[in-house]
Amino acid sequence: MDMKQVNAGKLRAIGYDANGRILRVEFDDRKLVEYAGVPQETWRRLSTSGSMWSYFRDNVEDEYAARRVR
């Protein structure tokens, strides 16, 4: 999965697998978490948001099943 480097709040990189509907997020502490069942529209809104950290907290963090990868 390609990761897009970002500098938004605690987010450092984000990536998305459209086939599996998996959002991968790397945080500033190097923790890597995958969120399952994320629609492509949510990914689009997150990746183009002017306030990515706020969008993530409000629309992803507690809305989708998370699995820590690292």
PDB file of N, CA and C in Angstrom:
ATOM      1  N   MET A   1       0.857  -1.177   0.000  1.00  0.00           N
ATOM      2  CA  MET A   1       0.000   0.000   0.000  1.00  0.00           C
ATOM      3  C   MET A   1       0.902   1.238   0.000  1.00  0.00           C
ATOM      4  N   ASP A   2       0.665   2.144  -0.925  1.00  0.00           N
ATOM      5  CA  ASP A   2       1.413   3.397  -0.961  1.00  0.00           C
ATOM      6  C   ASP A   2       0.951   4.289   0.176  1.00  0.00           C
ATOM      7  N   MET A   3       1.920   4.909   0.837  1.00  0.00           N
ATOM      8  CA  MET A   3       1.621   5.809   1.942  1.00  0.00           C
ATOM      9  C   MET A   3       1.953   7.238   1.518  1.00  0.00           C
ATOM     10  N   LYS A   4       1.062   8.140   1.852  1.00  0.00           N
ATOM     11  CA  LYS A   4       1.234   9.566   1.561  1.00  0.00           C
ATOM     12  C   LYS A   4       1.740  10.240   2.832  1.00  0.00           C
ATOM     13  N   GLN A   5       2.924  10.856   2.757  1.00  0.00           N
ATOM     14  CA  GLN A   5       3.476  11.556   3.911  1.00  0.00           C
ATOM     15  C   GLN A   5       2.653  12.805   4.189  1.00  0.00           C
ATOM     16  N   VAL A   6       2.295  12.994   5.446  1.00  0.00           N
ATOM     17  CA  VAL A   6       1.528  14.169   5.851  1.00  0.00           C
ATOM     18  C   VAL A   6       2.132  14.703   7.148  1.00  0.00           C
ATOM     19  N   ASN A   7       1.798  15.913   7.480  1.00  0.00           N
ATOM     20  CA  ASN A   7       2.204  16.499   8.752  1.00  0.00           C
ATOM     21  C   ASN A   7       0.983  17.213   9.293  1.00  0.00           C
ATOM     22  N   ALA A   8       0.094  16.444   9.904  1.00  0.00           N
ATOM     23  CA  ALA A   8      -1.196  16.980  10.340  1.00  0.00           C
ATOM     24  C   ALA A   8      -1.501  16.467  11.741  1.00  0.00           C
ATOM     25  N   GLY A   9      -1.326  17.314  12.733  1.00  0.00           N
ATOM     26  CA  GLY A   9      -1.547  16.871  14.102  1.00  0.00           C
ATOM     27  C   GLY A   9      -0.612  15.723  14.415  1.00  0.00           C
ATOM     28  N   LYS A  10      -1.151  14.603  14.847  1.00  0.00           N
ATOM     29  CA  LYS A  10      -0.344  13.426  15.170  1.00  0.00           C
ATOM     30  C   LYS A  10      -0.180  12.482  13.983  1.00  0.00           C
ATOM     31  N   LEU A  11      -0.760  12.809  12.841  1.00  0.00           N
ATOM     32  CA  LEU A  11      -0.655  11.965  11.647  1.00  0.00           C
ATOM     33  C   LEU A  11       0.647  12.252  10.916  1.00  0.00           C
ATOM     34  N   ARG A  12       1.347  11.177  10.505  1.00  0.00           N
ATOM     35  CA  ARG A  12       2.580  11.331   9.740  1.00  0.00           C
ATOM     36  C   ARG A  12       2.471  10.750   8.337  1.00  0.00           C
ATOM     37  N   ALA A  13       1.607   9.746   8.155  1.00  0.00           N
ATOM     38  CA  ALA A  13       1.419   9.156   6.825  1.00  0.00           C
ATOM     39  C   ALA A  13       0.069   8.444   6.795  1.00  0.00           C
ATOM     40  N   ILE A  14      -0.545   8.433   5.595  1.00  0.00           N
ATOM     41  CA  ILE A  14      -1.821   7.749   5.412  1.00  0.00           C
ATOM     42  C   ILE A  14      -1.787   6.995   4.086  1.00  0.00           C
ATOM     43  N   GLY A  15      -2.493   5.886   4.038  1.00  0.00           N
ATOM     44  CA  GLY A  15      -2.596   5.112   2.811  1.00  0.00           C
ATOM     45  C   GLY A  15      -3.940   4.407   2.763  1.00  0.00           C
ATOM     46  N   TYR A  16      -4.330   3.981   1.564  1.00  0.00           N
ATOM     47  CA  TYR A  16      -5.646   3.360   1.407  1.00  0.00           C
ATOM     48  C   TYR A  16      -5.596   2.246   0.379  1.00  0.00           C
ATOM     49  N   ASP A  17      -6.209   1.117   0.725  1.00  0.00           N
ATOM     50  CA  ASP A  17      -6.386  -0.012  -0.184  1.00  0.00           C
ATOM     51  C   ASP A  17      -7.861  -0.050  -0.564  1.00  0.00           C
ATOM     52  N   ALA A  18      -8.175   0.386  -1.786  1.00  0.00           N
ATOM     53  CA  ALA A  18      -9.570   0.482  -2.232  1.00  0.00           C
ATOM     54  C   ALA A  18     -10.232  -0.891  -2.323  1.00  0.00           C
ATOM     55  N   ASN A  19      -9.493  -1.911  -2.740  1.00  0.00           N
ATOM     56  CA  ASN A  19     -10.076  -3.254  -2.865  1.00  0.00           C
ATOM     57  C   ASN A  19     -10.475  -3.818  -1.506  1.00  0.00           C
ATOM     58  N   GLY A  20      -9.618  -3.644  -0.517  1.00  0.00           N
ATOM     59  CA  GLY A  20      -9.900  -4.165   0.815  1.00  0.00           C
ATOM     60  C   GLY A  20     -10.606  -3.180   1.725  1.00  0.00           C
ATOM     61  N   ARG A  21     -10.747  -1.933   1.249  1.00  0.00           N
ATOM     62  CA  ARG A  21     -11.356  -0.846   2.036  1.00  0.00           C
ATOM     63  C   ARG A  21     -10.648  -0.681   3.379  1.00  0.00           C
ATOM     64  N   ILE A  22      -9.304  -0.669   3.301  1.00  0.00           N
ATOM     65  CA  ILE A  22      -8.480  -0.541   4.500  1.00  0.00           C
ATOM     66  C   ILE A  22      -7.723   0.782   4.455  1.00  0.00           C
ATOM     67  N   LEU A  23      -7.850   1.533   5.519  1.00  0.00           N
ATOM     68  CA  LEU A  23      -7.113   2.779   5.704  1.00  0.00           C
ATOM     69  C   LEU A  23      -5.968   2.496   6.663  1.00  0.00           C
ATOM     70  N   ARG A  24      -4.752   2.852   6.263  1.00  0.00           N
ATOM     71  CA  ARG A  24      -3.585   2.667   7.125  1.00  0.00           C
ATOM     72  C   ARG A  24      -3.095   4.044   7.550  1.00  0.00           C
ATOM     73  N   VAL A  25      -2.840   4.190   8.843  1.00  0.00           N
ATOM     74  CA  VAL A  25      -2.422   5.472   9.403  1.00  0.00           C
ATOM     75  C   VAL A  25      -1.155   5.277  10.227  1.00  0.00           C
ATOM     76  N   GLU A  26      -0.149   6.109   9.964  1.00  0.00           N
ATOM     77  CA  GLU A  26       1.046   6.137  10.800  1.00  0.00           C
ATOM     78  C   GLU A  26       1.011   7.414  11.623  1.00  0.00           C
ATOM     79  N   PHE A  27       1.235   7.259  12.933  1.00  0.00           N
ATOM     80  CA  PHE A  27       1.199   8.379  13.858  1.00  0.00           C
ATOM     81  C   PHE A  27       2.612   8.875  14.158  1.00  0.00           C
ATOM     82  N   ASP A  28       2.700  10.031  14.808  1.00  0.00           N
ATOM     83  CA  ASP A  28       4.010  10.624  15.079  1.00  0.00           C
ATOM     84  C   ASP A  28       4.866   9.787  16.030  1.00  0.00           C
ATOM     85  N   ASP A  29       4.264   8.858  16.774  1.00  0.00           N
ATOM     86  CA  ASP A  29       5.036   7.960  17.645  1.00  0.00           C
ATOM     87  C   ASP A  29       5.427   6.668  16.911  1.00  0.00           C
ATOM     88  N   ARG A  30       5.244   6.648  15.588  1.00  0.00           N
ATOM     89  CA  ARG A  30       5.560   5.543  14.672  1.00  0.00           C
ATOM     90  C   ARG A  30       4.576   4.381  14.774  1.00  0.00           C
ATOM     91  N   LYS A  31       3.543   4.520  15.590  1.00  0.00           N
ATOM     92  CA  LYS A  31       2.494   3.497  15.665  1.00  0.00           C
ATOM     93  C   LYS A  31       1.779   3.451  14.317  1.00  0.00           C
ATOM     94  N   LEU A  32       1.505   2.243  13.839  1.00  0.00           N
ATOM     95  CA  LEU A  32       0.837   2.038  12.560  1.00  0.00           C
ATOM     96  C   LEU A  32      -0.457   1.279  12.824  1.00  0.00           C
ATOM     97  N   VAL A  33      -1.585   1.847  12.383  1.00  0.00           N
ATOM     98  CA  VAL A  33      -2.898   1.265  12.646  1.00  0.00           C
ATOM     99  C   VAL A  33      -3.668   1.150  11.336  1.00  0.00           C
ATOM    100  N   GLU A  34      -4.359   0.025  11.150  1.00  0.00           N
ATOM    101  CA  GLU A  34      -5.233  -0.166   9.995  1.00  0.00           C
ATOM    102  C   GLU A  34      -6.686  -0.119  10.448  1.00  0.00           C
ATOM    103  N   TYR A  35      -7.495   0.584   9.674  1.00  0.00           N
ATOM    104  CA  TYR A  35      -8.930   0.700   9.937  1.00  0.00           C
ATOM    105  C   TYR A  35      -9.666  -0.019   8.814  1.00  0.00           C
ATOM    106  N   ALA A  36     -10.542  -0.956   9.172  1.00  0.00           N
ATOM    107  CA  ALA A  36     -11.238  -1.797   8.199  1.00  0.00           C
ATOM    108  C   ALA A  36     -12.603  -1.228   7.840  1.00  0.00           C
ATOM    109  N   GLY A  37     -13.008  -1.463   6.582  1.00  0.00           N
ATOM    110  CA  GLY A  37     -14.344  -1.090   6.130  1.00  0.00           C
ATOM    111  C   GLY A  37     -14.524   0.384   5.831  1.00  0.00           C
ATOM    112  N   VAL A  38     -13.429   1.070   5.565  1.00  0.00           N
ATOM    113  CA  VAL A  38     -13.490   2.515   5.311  1.00  0.00           C
ATOM    114  C   VAL A  38     -13.883   2.758   3.850  1.00  0.00           C
ATOM    115  N   PRO A  39     -14.978   3.463   3.613  1.00  0.00           N
ATOM    116  CA  PRO A  39     -15.402   3.743   2.235  1.00  0.00           C
ATOM    117  C   PRO A  39     -14.411   4.662   1.511  1.00  0.00           C
ATOM    118  N   GLN A  40     -14.365   4.529   0.201  1.00  0.00           N
ATOM    119  CA  GLN A  40     -13.461   5.346  -0.601  1.00  0.00           C
ATOM    120  C   GLN A  40     -13.755   6.841  -0.433  1.00  0.00           C
ATOM    121  N   GLU A  41     -15.012   7.197  -0.245  1.00  0.00           N
ATOM    122  CA  GLU A  41     -15.369   8.606  -0.055  1.00  0.00           C
ATOM    123  C   GLU A  41     -14.767   9.157   1.237  1.00  0.00           C
ATOM    124  N   THR A  42     -14.720   8.358   2.288  1.00  0.00           N
ATOM    125  CA  THR A  42     -14.088   8.789   3.541  1.00  0.00           C
ATOM    126  C   THR A  42     -12.601   9.000   3.323  1.00  0.00           C
ATOM    127  N   TRP A  43     -11.961   8.087   2.577  1.00  0.00           N
ATOM    128  CA  TRP A  43     -10.546   8.248   2.237  1.00  0.00           C
ATOM    129  C   TRP A  43     -10.332   9.531   1.439  1.00  0.00           C
ATOM    130  N   ARG A  44     -11.161   9.771   0.462  1.00  0.00           N
ATOM    131  CA  ARG A  44     -11.013  10.974  -0.362  1.00  0.00           C
ATOM    132  C   ARG A  44     -11.123  12.226   0.495  1.00  0.00           C
ATOM    133  N   ARG A  45     -12.113  12.256   1.359  1.00  0.00           N
ATOM    134  CA  ARG A  45     -12.309  13.435   2.216  1.00  0.00           C
ATOM    135  C   ARG A  45     -11.150  13.618   3.187  1.00  0.00           C
ATOM    136  N   LEU A  46     -10.669  12.519   3.766  1.00  0.00           N
ATOM    137  CA  LEU A  46      -9.531  12.603   4.678  1.00  0.00           C
ATOM    138  C   LEU A  46      -8.293  13.107   3.954  1.00  0.00           C
ATOM    139  N   SER A  47      -7.985  12.504   2.821  1.00  0.00           N
ATOM    140  CA  SER A  47      -6.732  12.816   2.125  1.00  0.00           C
ATOM    141  C   SER A  47      -6.717  14.203   1.499  1.00  0.00           C
ATOM    142  N   THR A  48      -7.872  14.820   1.354  1.00  0.00           N
ATOM    143  CA  THR A  48      -7.918  16.173   0.774  1.00  0.00           C
ATOM    144  C   THR A  48      -8.340  17.226   1.793  1.00  0.00           C
ATOM    145  N   SER A  49      -8.523  16.819   3.028  1.00  0.00           N
ATOM    146  CA  SER A  49      -9.003  17.740   4.060  1.00  0.00           C
ATOM    147  C   SER A  49      -7.945  18.781   4.415  1.00  0.00           C
ATOM    148  N   GLY A  50      -8.380  19.999   4.626  1.00  0.00           N
ATOM    149  CA  GLY A  50      -7.493  21.054   5.097  1.00  0.00           C
ATOM    150  C   GLY A  50      -7.186  20.908   6.578  1.00  0.00           C
ATOM    151  N   SER A  51      -7.965  20.090   7.254  1.00  0.00           N
ATOM    152  CA  SER A  51      -7.769  19.824   8.681  1.00  0.00           C
ATOM    153  C   SER A  51      -7.823  18.311   8.890  1.00  0.00           C
ATOM    154  N   MET A  52      -6.800  17.638   8.374  1.00  0.00           N
ATOM    155  CA  MET A  52      -6.766  16.181   8.324  1.00  0.00           C
ATOM    156  C   MET A  52      -6.886  15.536   9.704  1.00  0.00           C
ATOM    157  N   TRP A  53      -6.180  16.068  10.689  1.00  0.00           N
ATOM    158  CA  TRP A  53      -6.218  15.496  12.032  1.00  0.00           C
ATOM    159  C   TRP A  53      -7.633  15.571  12.607  1.00  0.00           C
ATOM    160  N   SER A  54      -8.284  16.705  12.460  1.00  0.00           N
ATOM    161  CA  SER A  54      -9.658  16.861  12.960  1.00  0.00           C
ATOM    162  C   SER A  54     -10.612  15.927  12.229  1.00  0.00           C
ATOM    163  N   TYR A  55     -10.458  15.830  10.899  1.00  0.00           N
ATOM    164  CA  TYR A  55     -11.327  14.933  10.130  1.00  0.00           C
ATOM    165  C   TYR A  55     -11.128  13.490  10.596  1.00  0.00           C
ATOM    166  N   PHE A  56      -9.880  13.094  10.786  1.00  0.00           N
ATOM    167  CA  PHE A  56      -9.584  11.740  11.249  1.00  0.00           C
ATOM    168  C   PHE A  56     -10.245  11.470  12.598  1.00  0.00           C
ATOM    169  N   ARG A  57     -10.067  12.361  13.552  1.00  0.00           N
ATOM    170  CA  ARG A  57     -10.646  12.176  14.894  1.00  0.00           C
ATOM    171  C   ARG A  57     -12.168  12.108  14.850  1.00  0.00           C
ATOM    172  N   ASP A  58     -12.776  12.966  14.042  1.00  0.00           N
ATOM    173  CA  ASP A  58     -14.240  13.056  14.007  1.00  0.00           C
ATOM    174  C   ASP A  58     -14.915  11.968  13.175  1.00  0.00           C
ATOM    175  N   ASN A  59     -14.217  11.451  12.152  1.00  0.00           N
ATOM    176  CA  ASN A  59     -14.886  10.578  11.184  1.00  0.00           C
ATOM    177  C   ASN A  59     -14.281   9.187  11.007  1.00  0.00           C
ATOM    178  N   VAL A  60     -13.131   8.937  11.603  1.00  0.00           N
ATOM    179  CA  VAL A  60     -12.475   7.639  11.399  1.00  0.00           C
ATOM    180  C   VAL A  60     -12.151   6.946  12.717  1.00  0.00           C
ATOM    181  N   GLU A  61     -11.469   7.629  13.594  1.00  0.00           N
ATOM    182  CA  GLU A  61     -10.851   7.028  14.779  1.00  0.00           C
ATOM    183  C   GLU A  61     -11.766   6.073  15.553  1.00  0.00           C
ATOM    184  N   ASP A  62     -12.952   6.487  15.877  1.00  0.00           N
ATOM    185  CA  ASP A  62     -13.863   5.646  16.660  1.00  0.00           C
ATOM    186  C   ASP A  62     -14.999   5.049  15.827  1.00  0.00           C
ATOM    187  N   GLU A  63     -14.941   5.228  14.517  1.00  0.00           N
ATOM    188  CA  GLU A  63     -16.032   4.771  13.645  1.00  0.00           C
ATOM    189  C   GLU A  63     -15.763   3.423  12.984  1.00  0.00           C
ATOM    190  N   TYR A  64     -14.493   3.026  12.888  1.00  0.00           N
ATOM    191  CA  TYR A  64     -14.132   1.802  12.167  1.00  0.00           C
ATOM    192  C   TYR A  64     -13.275   0.904  13.051  1.00  0.00           C
ATOM    193  N   ALA A  65     -13.362  -0.396  12.797  1.00  0.00           N
ATOM    194  CA  ALA A  65     -12.565  -1.369  13.546  1.00  0.00           C
ATOM    195  C   ALA A  65     -11.087  -1.131  13.266  1.00  0.00           C
ATOM    196  N   ALA A  66     -10.299  -1.058  14.334  1.00  0.00           N
ATOM    197  CA  ALA A  66      -8.873  -0.762  14.205  1.00  0.00           C
ATOM    198  C   ALA A  66      -8.038  -1.969  14.611  1.00  0.00           C
ATOM    199  N   ARG A  67      -6.896  -2.097  13.926  1.00  0.00           N
ATOM    200  CA  ARG A  67      -5.939  -3.158  14.249  1.00  0.00           C
ATOM    201  C   ARG A  67      -4.545  -2.553  14.204  1.00  0.00           C
ATOM    202  N   ARG A  68      -3.839  -2.648  15.323  1.00  0.00           N
ATOM    203  CA  ARG A  68      -2.483  -2.112  15.366  1.00  0.00           C
ATOM    204  C   ARG A  68      -1.544  -3.044  14.608  1.00  0.00           C
ATOM    205  N   VAL A  69      -0.783  -2.464  13.679  1.00  0.00           N
ATOM    206  CA  VAL A  69       0.160  -3.229  12.866  1.00  0.00           C
ATOM    207  C   VAL A  69       1.561  -3.127  13.466  1.00  0.00           C
ATOM    208  N   ARG A  70       1.866  -1.945  13.979  1.00  0.00           N
ATOM    209  CA  ARG A  70       3.184  -1.700  14.594  1.00  0.00           C
ATOM    210  C   ARG A  70       3.014  -0.715  15.727  1.00  0.00           C
TER     211      ARG A  70
END
